[in-house]
Amino acid sequence: MADDLTPTLLREIRDEIVGLRRETHAGLSELHERVDGTNSRLDRLAEGQIRLATEVAELKGEVTDLKSEVTKLKGSVERIEVRFDRSLVTSGAAFRDLEGRVHRLEIHTGLDE
């Protein structure tokens, strides 16, 4: 009777091993798909980070250029302010001189009355 059970038991063991192999292959296939999906997402994230880093580097360059331009403009504005202040002083003196001349002319012509 033991001899009769041995082939049956061996077939059952074989069938279980075949079933386990199928489950293992199915599980591995699913796992590979999940890993591939994760790798794809990581690739997209990496590409996004590279694009972002490139944009940040470009913006840094633009900001540096803008700072340089602002510094140059500050110098120009300061020079213009100095010239403007000088012209106000000169204009004030010229205006006072002109007022004096007009007043002397009014006195000389008798229009100051």
PDB file of N, CA and C in Angstrom:
ATOM      1  N   MET A   1       0.796  -1.182   0.000  1.00  0.00           N
ATOM      2  CA  MET A   1       0.000   0.000   0.000  1.00  0.00           C
ATOM      3  C   MET A   1       0.852   1.264   0.000  1.00  0.00           C
ATOM      4  N   ALA A   2       1.985   1.204   0.671  1.00  0.00           N
ATOM      5  CA  ALA A   2       2.902   2.336   0.678  1.00  0.00           C
ATOM      6  C   ALA A   2       3.421   2.583  -0.720  1.00  0.00           C
ATOM      7  N   ASP A   3       3.582   1.488  -1.451  1.00  0.00           N
ATOM      8  CA  ASP A   3       4.042   1.651  -2.814  1.00  0.00           C
ATOM      9  C   ASP A   3       3.005   2.353  -3.670  1.00  0.00           C
ATOM     10  N   ASP A   4       1.738   2.143  -3.376  1.00  0.00           N
ATOM     11  CA  ASP A   4       0.660   2.784  -4.128  1.00  0.00           C
ATOM     12  C   ASP A   4       0.602   4.277  -3.823  1.00  0.00           C
ATOM     13  N   LEU A   5       0.931   4.674  -2.601  1.00  0.00           N
ATOM     14  CA  LEU A   5       0.863   6.089  -2.201  1.00  0.00           C
ATOM     15  C   LEU A   5       2.062   6.894  -2.709  1.00  0.00           C
ATOM     16  N   THR A   6       3.174   6.258  -2.901  1.00  0.00           N
ATOM     17  CA  THR A   6       4.395   6.972  -3.272  1.00  0.00           C
ATOM     18  C   THR A   6       4.230   7.726  -4.592  1.00  0.00           C
ATOM     19  N   PRO A   7       3.747   7.084  -5.664  1.00  0.00           N
ATOM     20  CA  PRO A   7       3.573   7.860  -6.888  1.00  0.00           C
ATOM     21  C   PRO A   7       2.553   8.970  -6.725  1.00  0.00           C
ATOM     22  N   THR A   8       1.502   8.720  -5.969  1.00  0.00           N
ATOM     23  CA  THR A   8       0.487   9.738  -5.741  1.00  0.00           C
ATOM     24  C   THR A   8       1.077  10.910  -4.972  1.00  0.00           C
ATOM     25  N   LEU A   9       1.813  10.602  -3.921  1.00  0.00           N
ATOM     26  CA  LEU A   9       2.442  11.667  -3.124  1.00  0.00           C
ATOM     27  C   LEU A   9       3.461  12.439  -3.970  1.00  0.00           C
ATOM     28  N   LEU A  10       4.222  11.731  -4.767  1.00  0.00           N
ATOM     29  CA  LEU A  10       5.205  12.405  -5.618  1.00  0.00           C
ATOM     30  C   LEU A  10       4.527  13.317  -6.639  1.00  0.00           C
ATOM     31  N   ARG A  11       3.389  12.860  -7.211  1.00  0.00           N
ATOM     32  CA  ARG A  11       2.636  13.705  -8.145  1.00  0.00           C
ATOM     33  C   ARG A  11       2.094  14.943  -7.436  1.00  0.00           C
ATOM     34  N   GLU A  12       1.585  14.755  -6.231  1.00  0.00           N
ATOM     35  CA  GLU A  12       1.048  15.899  -5.465  1.00  0.00           C
ATOM     36  C   GLU A  12       2.161  16.892  -5.139  1.00  0.00           C
ATOM     37  N   ILE A  13       3.309  16.361  -4.759  1.00  0.00           N
ATOM     38  CA  ILE A  13       4.452  17.240  -4.456  1.00  0.00           C
ATOM     39  C   ILE A  13       4.874  17.984  -5.725  1.00  0.00           C
ATOM     40  N   ARG A  14       4.956  17.223  -6.840  1.00  0.00           N
ATOM     41  CA  ARG A  14       5.311  17.845  -8.112  1.00  0.00           C
ATOM     42  C   ARG A  14       4.309  18.919  -8.489  1.00  0.00           C
ATOM     43  N   ASP A  15       3.025  18.637  -8.346  1.00  0.00           N
ATOM     44  CA  ASP A  15       1.979  19.605  -8.677  1.00  0.00           C
ATOM     45  C   ASP A  15       2.090  20.850  -7.797  1.00  0.00           C
ATOM     46  N   GLU A  16       2.400  20.640  -6.513  1.00  0.00           N
ATOM     47  CA  GLU A  16       2.563  21.795  -5.619  1.00  0.00           C
ATOM     48  C   GLU A  16       3.777  22.623  -6.026  1.00  0.00           C
ATOM     49  N   ILE A  17       4.868  21.931  -6.408  1.00  0.00           N
ATOM     50  CA  ILE A  17       6.071  22.647  -6.845  1.00  0.00           C
ATOM     51  C   ILE A  17       5.781  23.432  -8.118  1.00  0.00           C
ATOM     52  N   VAL A  18       5.065  22.814  -9.059  1.00  0.00           N
ATOM     53  CA  VAL A  18       4.695  23.505 -10.295  1.00  0.00           C
ATOM     54  C   VAL A  18       3.839  24.724  -9.968  1.00  0.00           C
ATOM     55  N   GLY A  19       2.864  24.543  -9.070  1.00  0.00           N
ATOM     56  CA  GLY A  19       2.009  25.658  -8.659  1.00  0.00           C
ATOM     57  C   GLY A  19       2.808  26.769  -8.000  1.00  0.00           C
ATOM     58  N   LEU A  20       3.749  26.388  -7.130  1.00  0.00           N
ATOM     59  CA  LEU A  20       4.589  27.393  -6.464  1.00  0.00           C
ATOM     60  C   LEU A  20       5.454  28.140  -7.484  1.00  0.00           C
ATOM     61  N   ARG A  21       5.964  27.384  -8.474  1.00  0.00           N
ATOM     62  CA  ARG A  21       6.765  28.036  -9.514  1.00  0.00           C
ATOM     63  C   ARG A  21       5.926  29.046 -10.285  1.00  0.00           C
ATOM     64  N   ARG A  22       4.703  28.666 -10.626  1.00  0.00           N
ATOM     65  CA  ARG A  22       3.813  29.591 -11.350  1.00  0.00           C
ATOM     66  C   ARG A  22       3.547  30.837 -10.512  1.00  0.00           C
ATOM     67  N   GLU A  23       3.235  30.635  -9.244  1.00  0.00           N
ATOM     68  CA  GLU A  23       2.975  31.777  -8.347  1.00  0.00           C
ATOM     69  C   GLU A  23       4.221  32.649  -8.225  1.00  0.00           C
ATOM     70  N   THR A  24       5.381  31.969  -8.120  1.00  0.00           N
ATOM     71  CA  THR A  24       6.638  32.719  -7.997  1.00  0.00           C
ATOM     72  C   THR A  24       6.901  33.526  -9.260  1.00  0.00           C
ATOM     73  N   HIS A  25       6.714  32.898 -10.419  1.00  0.00           N
ATOM     74  CA  HIS A  25       6.918  33.611 -11.691  1.00  0.00           C
ATOM     75  C   HIS A  25       5.922  34.762 -11.837  1.00  0.00           C
ATOM     76  N   ALA A  26       4.667  34.525 -11.444  1.00  0.00           N
ATOM     77  CA  ALA A  26       3.665  35.586 -11.519  1.00  0.00           C
ATOM     78  C   ALA A  26       4.045  36.730 -10.574  1.00  0.00           C
ATOM     79  N   GLY A  27       4.480  36.353  -9.360  1.00  0.00           N
ATOM     80  CA  GLY A  27       4.902  37.378  -8.394  1.00  0.00           C
ATOM     81  C   GLY A  27       6.112  38.136  -8.889  1.00  0.00           C
ATOM     82  N   LEU A  28       7.071  37.417  -9.480  1.00  0.00           N
ATOM     83  CA  LEU A  28       8.255  38.080 -10.017  1.00  0.00           C
ATOM     84  C   LEU A  28       7.899  38.992 -11.180  1.00  0.00           C
ATOM     85  N   SER A  29       6.991  38.542 -12.026  1.00  0.00           N
ATOM     86  CA  SER A  29       6.563  39.386 -13.151  1.00  0.00           C
ATOM     87  C   SER A  29       5.923  40.671 -12.629  1.00  0.00           C
ATOM     88  N   GLU A  30       5.063  40.541 -11.644  1.00  0.00           N
ATOM     89  CA  GLU A  30       4.414  41.727 -11.060  1.00  0.00           C
ATOM     90  C   GLU A  30       5.459  42.634 -10.419  1.00  0.00           C
ATOM     91  N   LEU A  31       6.401  42.013  -9.707  1.00  0.00           N
ATOM     92  CA  LEU A  31       7.456  42.787  -9.059  1.00  0.00           C
ATOM     93  C   LEU A  31       8.306  43.521 -10.102  1.00  0.00           C
ATOM     94  N   HIS A  32       8.633  42.846 -11.211  1.00  0.00           N
ATOM     95  CA  HIS A  32       9.408  43.483 -12.281  1.00  0.00           C
ATOM     96  C   HIS A  32       8.637  44.664 -12.866  1.00  0.00           C
ATOM     97  N   GLU A  33       7.329  44.501 -13.061  1.00  0.00           N
ATOM     98  CA  GLU A  33       6.511  45.600 -13.586  1.00  0.00           C
ATOM     99  C   GLU A  33       6.520  46.784 -12.624  1.00  0.00           C
ATOM    100  N   ARG A  34       6.408  46.476 -11.343  1.00  0.00           N
ATOM    101  CA  ARG A  34       6.416  47.551 -10.339  1.00  0.00           C
ATOM    102  C   ARG A  34       7.770  48.251 -10.308  1.00  0.00           C
ATOM    103  N   VAL A  35       8.847  47.470 -10.397  1.00  0.00           N
ATOM    104  CA  VAL A  35      10.189  48.056 -10.413  1.00  0.00           C
ATOM    105  C   VAL A  35      10.367  48.911 -11.660  1.00  0.00           C
ATOM    106  N   ASP A  36       9.914  48.404 -12.803  1.00  0.00           N
ATOM    107  CA  ASP A  36       9.999  49.188 -14.042  1.00  0.00           C
ATOM    108  C   ASP A  36       9.208  50.489 -13.912  1.00  0.00           C
ATOM    109  N   GLY A  37       8.016  50.411 -13.340  1.00  0.00           N
ATOM    110  CA  GLY A  37       7.209  51.621 -13.133  1.00  0.00           C
ATOM    111  C   GLY A  37       7.910  52.603 -12.208  1.00  0.00           C
ATOM    112  N   THR A  38       8.500  52.071 -11.136  1.00  0.00           N
ATOM    113  CA  THR A  38       9.230  52.932 -10.195  1.00  0.00           C
ATOM    114  C   THR A  38      10.437  53.556 -10.885  1.00  0.00           C
ATOM    115  N   ASN A  39      11.151  52.774 -11.671  1.00  0.00           N
ATOM    116  CA  ASN A  39      12.303  53.315 -12.404  1.00  0.00           C
ATOM    117  C   ASN A  39      11.873  54.410 -13.372  1.00  0.00           C
ATOM    118  N   SER A  40      10.752  54.219 -14.040  1.00  0.00           N
ATOM    119  CA  SER A  40      10.254  55.248 -14.961  1.00  0.00           C
ATOM    120  C   SER A  40       9.939  56.532 -14.212  1.00  0.00           C
ATOM    121  N   ARG A  41       9.282  56.394 -13.059  1.00  0.00           N
ATOM    122  CA  ARG A  41       8.969  57.592 -12.262  1.00  0.00           C
ATOM    123  C   ARG A  41      10.244  58.271 -11.782  1.00  0.00           C
ATOM    124  N   LEU A  42      11.218  57.477 -11.359  1.00  0.00           N
ATOM    125  CA  LEU A  42      12.492  58.052 -10.915  1.00  0.00           C
ATOM    126  C   LEU A  42      13.208  58.753 -12.070  1.00  0.00           C
ATOM    127  N   ASP A  43      13.148  58.152 -13.262  1.00  0.00           N
ATOM    128  CA  ASP A  43      13.757  58.798 -14.435  1.00  0.00           C
ATOM    129  C   ASP A  43      13.106  60.140 -14.706  1.00  0.00           C
ATOM    130  N   ARG A  44      11.766  60.184 -14.641  1.00  0.00           N
ATOM    131  CA  ARG A  44      11.058  61.456 -14.880  1.00  0.00           C
ATOM    132  C   ARG A  44      11.416  62.475 -13.811  1.00  0.00           C
ATOM    133  N   LEU A  45      11.504  62.019 -12.551  1.00  0.00           N
ATOM    134  CA  LEU A  45      11.890  62.936 -11.473  1.00  0.00           C
ATOM    135  C   LEU A  45      13.301  63.470 -11.693  1.00  0.00           C
ATOM    136  N   ALA A  46      14.208  62.589 -12.086  1.00  0.00           N
ATOM    137  CA  ALA A  46      15.591  63.017 -12.330  1.00  0.00           C
ATOM    138  C   ALA A  46      15.641  64.022 -13.475  1.00  0.00           C
ATOM    139  N   GLU A  47      14.893  63.749 -14.545  1.00  0.00           N
ATOM    140  CA  GLU A  47      14.858  64.688 -15.670  1.00  0.00           C
ATOM    141  C   GLU A  47      14.300  66.032 -15.221  1.00  0.00           C
ATOM    142  N   GLY A  48      13.267  65.983 -14.386  1.00  0.00           N
ATOM    143  CA  GLY A  48      12.688  67.227 -13.865  1.00  0.00           C
ATOM    144  C   GLY A  48      13.685  67.981 -13.004  1.00  0.00           C
ATOM    145  N   GLN A  49      14.432  67.254 -12.191  1.00  0.00           N
ATOM    146  CA  GLN A  49      15.430  67.908 -11.347  1.00  0.00           C
ATOM    147  C   GLN A  49      16.543  68.513 -12.192  1.00  0.00           C
ATOM    148  N   ILE A  50      16.921  67.823 -13.253  1.00  0.00           N
ATOM    149  CA  ILE A  50      17.960  68.366 -14.134  1.00  0.00           C
ATOM    150  C   ILE A  50      17.466  69.639 -14.809  1.00  0.00           C
ATOM    151  N   ARG A  51      16.204  69.595 -15.286  1.00  0.00           N
ATOM    152  CA  ARG A  51      15.645  70.806 -15.918  1.00  0.00           C
ATOM    153  C   ARG A  51      15.574  71.940 -14.902  1.00  0.00           C
ATOM    154  N   LEU A  52      15.148  71.616 -13.679  1.00  0.00           N
ATOM    155  CA  LEU A  52      15.041  72.634 -12.636  1.00  0.00           C
ATOM    156  C   LEU A  52      16.411  73.209 -12.293  1.00  0.00           C
ATOM    157  N   ALA A  53      17.411  72.336 -12.171  1.00  0.00           N
ATOM    158  CA  ALA A  53      18.762  72.812 -11.865  1.00  0.00           C
ATOM    159  C   ALA A  53      19.290  73.699 -12.982  1.00  0.00           C
ATOM    160  N   THR A  54      18.982  73.344 -14.224  1.00  0.00           N
ATOM    161  CA  THR A  54      19.401  74.160 -15.365  1.00  0.00           C
ATOM    162  C   THR A  54      18.738  75.531 -15.307  1.00  0.00           C
ATOM    163  N   GLU A  55      17.433  75.543 -15.022  1.00  0.00           N
ATOM    164  CA  GLU A  55      16.706  76.817 -14.920  1.00  0.00           C
ATOM    165  C   GLU A  55      17.272  77.673 -13.790  1.00  0.00           C
ATOM    166  N   VAL A  56      17.562  77.053 -12.658  1.00  0.00           N
ATOM    167  CA  VAL A  56      18.111  77.801 -11.517  1.00  0.00           C
ATOM    168  C   VAL A  56      19.465  78.394 -11.890  1.00  0.00           C
ATOM    169  N   ALA A  57      20.295  77.612 -12.576  1.00  0.00           N
ATOM    170  CA  ALA A  57      21.608  78.121 -12.991  1.00  0.00           C
ATOM    171  C   ALA A  57      21.454  79.299 -13.950  1.00  0.00           C
ATOM    172  N   GLU A  58      20.505  79.188 -14.883  1.00  0.00           N
ATOM    173  CA  GLU A  58      20.274  80.289 -15.823  1.00  0.00           C
ATOM    174  C   GLU A  58      19.766  81.521 -15.089  1.00  0.00           C
ATOM    175  N   LEU A  59      18.858  81.319 -14.140  1.00  0.00           N
ATOM    176  CA  LEU A  59      18.338  82.451 -13.372  1.00  0.00           C
ATOM    177  C   LEU A  59      19.438  83.104 -12.546  1.00  0.00           C
ATOM    178  N   LYS A  60      20.324  82.274 -11.998  1.00  0.00           N
ATOM    179  CA  LYS A  60      21.433  82.819 -11.217  1.00  0.00           C
ATOM    180  C   LYS A  60      22.288  83.723 -12.103  1.00  0.00           C
ATOM    181  N   GLY A  61      22.544  83.267 -13.329  1.00  0.00           N
ATOM    182  CA  GLY A  61      23.318  84.087 -14.263  1.00  0.00           C
ATOM    183  C   GLY A  61      22.607  85.385 -14.583  1.00  0.00           C
ATOM    184  N   GLU A  62      21.295  85.302 -14.800  1.00  0.00           N
ATOM    185  CA  GLU A  62      20.527  86.514 -15.109  1.00  0.00           C
ATOM    186  C   GLU A  62      20.532  87.470 -13.923  1.00  0.00           C
ATOM    187  N   VAL A  63      20.385  86.930 -12.714  1.00  0.00           N
ATOM    188  CA  VAL A  63      20.398  87.784 -11.516  1.00  0.00           C
ATOM    189  C   VAL A  63      21.761  88.456 -11.372  1.00  0.00           C
ATOM    190  N   THR A  64      22.822  87.706 -11.626  1.00  0.00           N
ATOM    191  CA  THR A  64      24.163  88.282 -11.554  1.00  0.00           C
ATOM    192  C   THR A  64      24.308  89.408 -12.568  1.00  0.00           C
ATOM    193  N   ASP A  65      23.817  89.190 -13.783  1.00  0.00           N
ATOM    194  CA  ASP A  65      23.864  90.234 -14.812  1.00  0.00           C
ATOM    195  C   ASP A  65      23.063  91.460 -14.376  1.00  0.00           C
ATOM    196  N   LEU A  66      21.872  91.211 -13.817  1.00  0.00           N
ATOM    197  CA  LEU A  66      21.030  92.323 -13.370  1.00  0.00           C
ATOM    198  C   LEU A  66      21.701  93.097 -12.237  1.00  0.00           C
ATOM    199  N   LYS A  67      22.347  92.385 -11.315  1.00  0.00           N
ATOM    200  CA  LYS A  67      23.053  93.073 -10.229  1.00  0.00           C
ATOM    201  C   LYS A  67      24.142  93.976 -10.798  1.00  0.00           C
ATOM    202  N   SER A  68      24.852  93.468 -11.789  1.00  0.00           N
ATOM    203  CA  SER A  68      25.914  94.256 -12.423  1.00  0.00           C
ATOM    204  C   SER A  68      25.329  95.506 -13.077  1.00  0.00           C
ATOM    205  N   GLU A  69      24.207  95.332 -13.778  1.00  0.00           N
ATOM    206  CA  GLU A  69      23.558  96.479 -14.420  1.00  0.00           C
ATOM    207  C   GLU A  69      23.083  97.489 -13.389  1.00  0.00           C
ATOM    208  N   VAL A  70      22.508  96.996 -12.285  1.00  0.00           N
ATOM    209  CA  VAL A  70      22.035  97.897 -11.225  1.00  0.00           C
ATOM    210  C   VAL A  70      23.208  98.683 -10.653  1.00  0.00           C
ATOM    211  N   THR A  71      24.331  98.018 -10.437  1.00  0.00           N
ATOM    212  CA  THR A  71      25.513  98.699  -9.908  1.00  0.00           C
ATOM    213  C   THR A  71      25.967  99.802 -10.866  1.00  0.00           C
ATOM    214  N   LYS A  72      25.984  99.483 -12.168  1.00  0.00           N
ATOM    215  CA  LYS A  72      26.361 100.490 -13.157  1.00  0.00           C
ATOM    216  C   LYS A  72      25.366 101.653 -13.149  1.00  0.00           C
ATOM    217  N   LEU A  73      24.074 101.316 -13.073  1.00  0.00           N
ATOM    218  CA  LEU A  73      23.058 102.366 -13.075  1.00  0.00           C
ATOM    219  C   LEU A  73      23.148 103.234 -11.822  1.00  0.00           C
ATOM    220  N   LYS A  74      23.469 102.619 -10.695  1.00  0.00           N
ATOM    221  CA  LYS A  74      23.624 103.402  -9.464  1.00  0.00           C
ATOM    222  C   LYS A  74      24.718 104.446  -9.650  1.00  0.00           C
ATOM    223  N   GLY A  75      25.834 104.029 -10.260  1.00  0.00           N
ATOM    224  CA  GLY A  75      26.918 104.974 -10.524  1.00  0.00           C
ATOM    225  C   GLY A  75      26.461 106.102 -11.431  1.00  0.00           C
ATOM    226  N   SER A  76      25.697 105.753 -12.467  1.00  0.00           N
ATOM    227  CA  SER A  76      25.185 106.774 -13.390  1.00  0.00           C
ATOM    228  C   SER A  76      24.235 107.720 -12.663  1.00  0.00           C
ATOM    229  N   VAL A  77      23.359 107.168 -11.863  1.00  0.00           N
ATOM    230  CA  VAL A  77      22.397 107.998 -11.132  1.00  0.00           C
ATOM    231  C   VAL A  77      23.122 108.925 -10.174  1.00  0.00           C
ATOM    232  N   GLU A  78      24.135 108.412  -9.495  1.00  0.00           N
ATOM    233  CA  GLU A  78      24.883 109.262  -8.567  1.00  0.00           C
ATOM    234  C   GLU A  78      25.574 110.405  -9.314  1.00  0.00           C
ATOM    235  N   ARG A  79      26.162 110.098 -10.475  1.00  0.00           N
ATOM    236  CA  ARG A  79      26.800 111.160 -11.265  1.00  0.00           C
ATOM    237  C   ARG A  79      25.774 112.192 -11.730  1.00  0.00           C
ATOM    238  N   ILE A  80      24.608 111.735 -12.157  1.00  0.00           N
ATOM    239  CA  ILE A  80      23.546 112.649 -12.603  1.00  0.00           C
ATOM    240  C   ILE A  80      23.068 113.505 -11.434  1.00  0.00           C
ATOM    241  N   GLU A  81      22.927 112.886 -10.254  1.00  0.00           N
ATOM    242  CA  GLU A  81      22.502 113.655  -9.078  1.00  0.00           C
ATOM    243  C   GLU A  81      23.513 114.750  -8.754  1.00  0.00           C
ATOM    244  N   VAL A  82      24.804 114.419  -8.827  1.00  0.00           N
ATOM    245  CA  VAL A  82      25.848 115.424  -8.551  1.00  0.00           C
ATOM    246  C   VAL A  82      25.753 116.552  -9.567  1.00  0.00           C
ATOM    247  N   ARG A  83      25.617 116.201 -10.859  1.00  0.00           N
ATOM    248  CA  ARG A  83      25.486 117.232 -11.892  1.00  0.00           C
ATOM    249  C   ARG A  83      24.239 118.076 -11.676  1.00  0.00           C
ATOM    250  N   PHE A  84      23.138 117.425 -11.283  1.00  0.00           N
ATOM    251  CA  PHE A  84      21.889 118.143 -11.036  1.00  0.00           C
ATOM    252  C   PHE A  84      22.058 119.111  -9.868  1.00  0.00           C
ATOM    253  N   ASP A  85      22.665 118.613  -8.788  1.00  0.00           N
ATOM    254  CA  ASP A  85      22.892 119.487  -7.628  1.00  0.00           C
ATOM    255  C   ASP A  85      23.766 120.679  -8.011  1.00  0.00           C
ATOM    256  N   ARG A  86      24.804 120.427  -8.805  1.00  0.00           N
ATOM    257  CA  ARG A  86      25.673 121.530  -9.252  1.00  0.00           C
ATOM    258  C   ARG A  86      24.900 122.511 -10.118  1.00  0.00           C
ATOM    259  N   SER A  87      24.033 121.950 -10.997  1.00  0.00           N
ATOM    260  CA  SER A  87      23.285 122.846 -11.874  1.00  0.00           C
ATOM    261  C   SER A  87      22.287 123.669 -11.069  1.00  0.00           C
ATOM    262  N   LEU A  88      21.741 123.101  -9.987  1.00  0.00           N
ATOM    263  CA  LEU A  88      20.846 123.888  -9.138  1.00  0.00           C
ATOM    264  C   LEU A  88      21.593 125.051  -8.500  1.00  0.00           C
ATOM    265  N   VAL A  89      22.790 124.757  -8.026  1.00  0.00           N
ATOM    266  CA  VAL A  89      23.600 125.823  -7.412  1.00  0.00           C
ATOM    267  C   VAL A  89      23.921 126.871  -8.466  1.00  0.00           C
ATOM    268  N   THR A  90      24.358 126.437  -9.636  1.00  0.00           N
ATOM    269  CA  THR A  90      24.698 127.355 -10.716  1.00  0.00           C
ATOM    270  C   THR A  90      23.459 128.122 -11.172  1.00  0.00           C
ATOM    271  N   SER A  91      22.331 127.397 -11.302  1.00  0.00           N
ATOM    272  CA  SER A  91      21.093 128.046 -11.733  1.00  0.00           C
ATOM    273  C   SER A  91      20.637 129.066 -10.711  1.00  0.00           C
ATOM    274  N   GLY A  92      20.790 128.700  -9.434  1.00  0.00           N
ATOM    275  CA  GLY A  92      20.402 129.650  -8.374  1.00  0.00           C
ATOM    276  C   GLY A  92      21.228 130.920  -8.447  1.00  0.00           C
ATOM    277  N   ALA A  93      22.525 130.754  -8.663  1.00  0.00           N
ATOM    278  CA  ALA A  93      23.403 131.924  -8.772  1.00  0.00           C
ATOM    279  C   ALA A  93      23.039 132.720 -10.015  1.00  0.00           C
ATOM    280  N   ALA A  94      22.794 132.023 -11.122  1.00  0.00           N
ATOM    281  CA  ALA A  94      22.427 132.708 -12.364  1.00  0.00           C
ATOM    282  C   ALA A  94      21.089 133.416 -12.188  1.00  0.00           C
ATOM    283  N   PHE A  95      20.157 132.797 -11.503  1.00  0.00           N
ATOM    284  CA  PHE A  95      18.850 133.410 -11.285  1.00  0.00           C
ATOM    285  C   PHE A  95      18.993 134.664 -10.428  1.00  0.00           C
ATOM    286  N   ARG A  96      19.810 134.575  -9.366  1.00  0.00           N
ATOM    287  CA  ARG A  96      20.007 135.757  -8.509  1.00  0.00           C
ATOM    288  C   ARG A  96      20.687 136.882  -9.293  1.00  0.00           C
ATOM    289  N   ASP A  97      21.648 136.512 -10.123  1.00  0.00           N
ATOM    290  CA  ASP A  97      22.322 137.504 -10.960  1.00  0.00           C
ATOM    291  C   ASP A  97      21.331 138.162 -11.904  1.00  0.00           C
ATOM    292  N   LEU A  98      20.455 137.339 -12.519  1.00  0.00           N
ATOM    293  CA  LEU A  98      19.451 137.863 -13.440  1.00  0.00           C
ATOM    294  C   LEU A  98      18.478 138.780 -12.701  1.00  0.00           C
ATOM    295  N   GLU A  99      18.084 138.378 -11.495  1.00  0.00           N
ATOM    296  CA  GLU A  99      17.190 139.238 -10.698  1.00  0.00           C
ATOM    297  C   GLU A  99      17.855 140.592 -10.421  1.00  0.00           C
ATOM    298  N   GLY A 100      19.139 140.545 -10.074  1.00  0.00           N
ATOM    299  CA  GLY A 100      19.872 141.794  -9.810  1.00  0.00           C
ATOM    300  C   GLY A 100      19.918 142.676 -11.042  1.00  0.00           C
ATOM    301  N   ARG A 101      20.155 142.100 -12.201  1.00  0.00           N
ATOM    302  CA  ARG A 101      20.198 142.862 -13.433  1.00  0.00           C
ATOM    303  C   ARG A 101      18.842 143.476 -13.753  1.00  0.00           C
ATOM    304  N   VAL A 102      17.781 142.662 -13.589  1.00  0.00           N
ATOM    305  CA  VAL A 102      16.433 143.172 -13.854  1.00  0.00           C
ATOM    306  C   VAL A 102      16.138 144.331 -12.899  1.00  0.00           C
ATOM    307  N   HIS A 103      16.489 144.179 -11.640  1.00  0.00           N
ATOM    308  CA  HIS A 103      16.231 145.224 -10.650  1.00  0.00           C
ATOM    309  C   HIS A 103      17.002 146.502 -11.000  1.00  0.00           C
ATOM    310  N   ARG A 104      18.273 146.384 -11.393  1.00  0.00           N
ATOM    311  CA  ARG A 104      19.054 147.564 -11.776  1.00  0.00           C
ATOM    312  C   ARG A 104      18.471 148.225 -13.018  1.00  0.00           C
ATOM    313  N   LEU A 105      17.981 147.371 -13.947  1.00  0.00           N
ATOM    314  CA  LEU A 105      17.364 147.897 -15.158  1.00  0.00           C
ATOM    315  C   LEU A 105      16.077 148.640 -14.811  1.00  0.00           C
ATOM    316  N   GLU A 106      15.311 148.085 -13.877  1.00  0.00           N
ATOM    317  CA  GLU A 106      14.070 148.761 -13.465  1.00  0.00           C
ATOM    318  C   GLU A 106      14.391 150.111 -12.825  1.00  0.00           C
ATOM    319  N   ILE A 107      15.437 150.126 -12.005  1.00  0.00           N
ATOM    320  CA  ILE A 107      15.837 151.390 -11.382  1.00  0.00           C
ATOM    321  C   ILE A 107      16.308 152.369 -12.441  1.00  0.00           C
ATOM    322  N   HIS A 108      17.101 151.925 -13.338  1.00  0.00           N
ATOM    323  CA  HIS A 108      17.630 152.799 -14.381  1.00  0.00           C
ATOM    324  C   HIS A 108      16.529 153.338 -15.286  1.00  0.00           C
ATOM    325  N   THR A 109      15.509 152.541 -15.554  1.00  0.00           N
ATOM    326  CA  THR A 109      14.447 152.988 -16.441  1.00  0.00           C
ATOM    327  C   THR A 109      13.310 153.634 -15.692  1.00  0.00           C
ATOM    328  N   GLY A 110      13.334 153.543 -14.392  1.00  0.00           N
ATOM    329  CA  GLY A 110      12.265 154.130 -13.590  1.00  0.00           C
ATOM    330  C   GLY A 110      11.052 153.254 -13.454  1.00  0.00           C
ATOM    331  N   LEU A 111      11.191 152.002 -13.786  1.00  0.00           N
ATOM    332  CA  LEU A 111      10.048 151.078 -13.695  1.00  0.00           C
ATOM    333  C   LEU A 111       9.929 150.463 -12.322  1.00  0.00           C
ATOM    334  N   ASP A 112      10.788 150.836 -11.419  1.00  0.00           N
ATOM    335  CA  ASP A 112      10.752 150.210 -10.098  1.00  0.00           C
ATOM    336  C   ASP A 112       9.734 150.861  -9.178  1.00  0.00           C
ATOM    337  N   GLU A 113       9.070 151.871  -9.638  1.00  0.00           N
ATOM    338  CA  GLU A 113       8.110 152.571  -8.786  1.00  0.00           C
ATOM    339  C   GLU A 113       6.777 151.952  -8.738  1.00  0.00           C
TER     340      GLU A 113
END
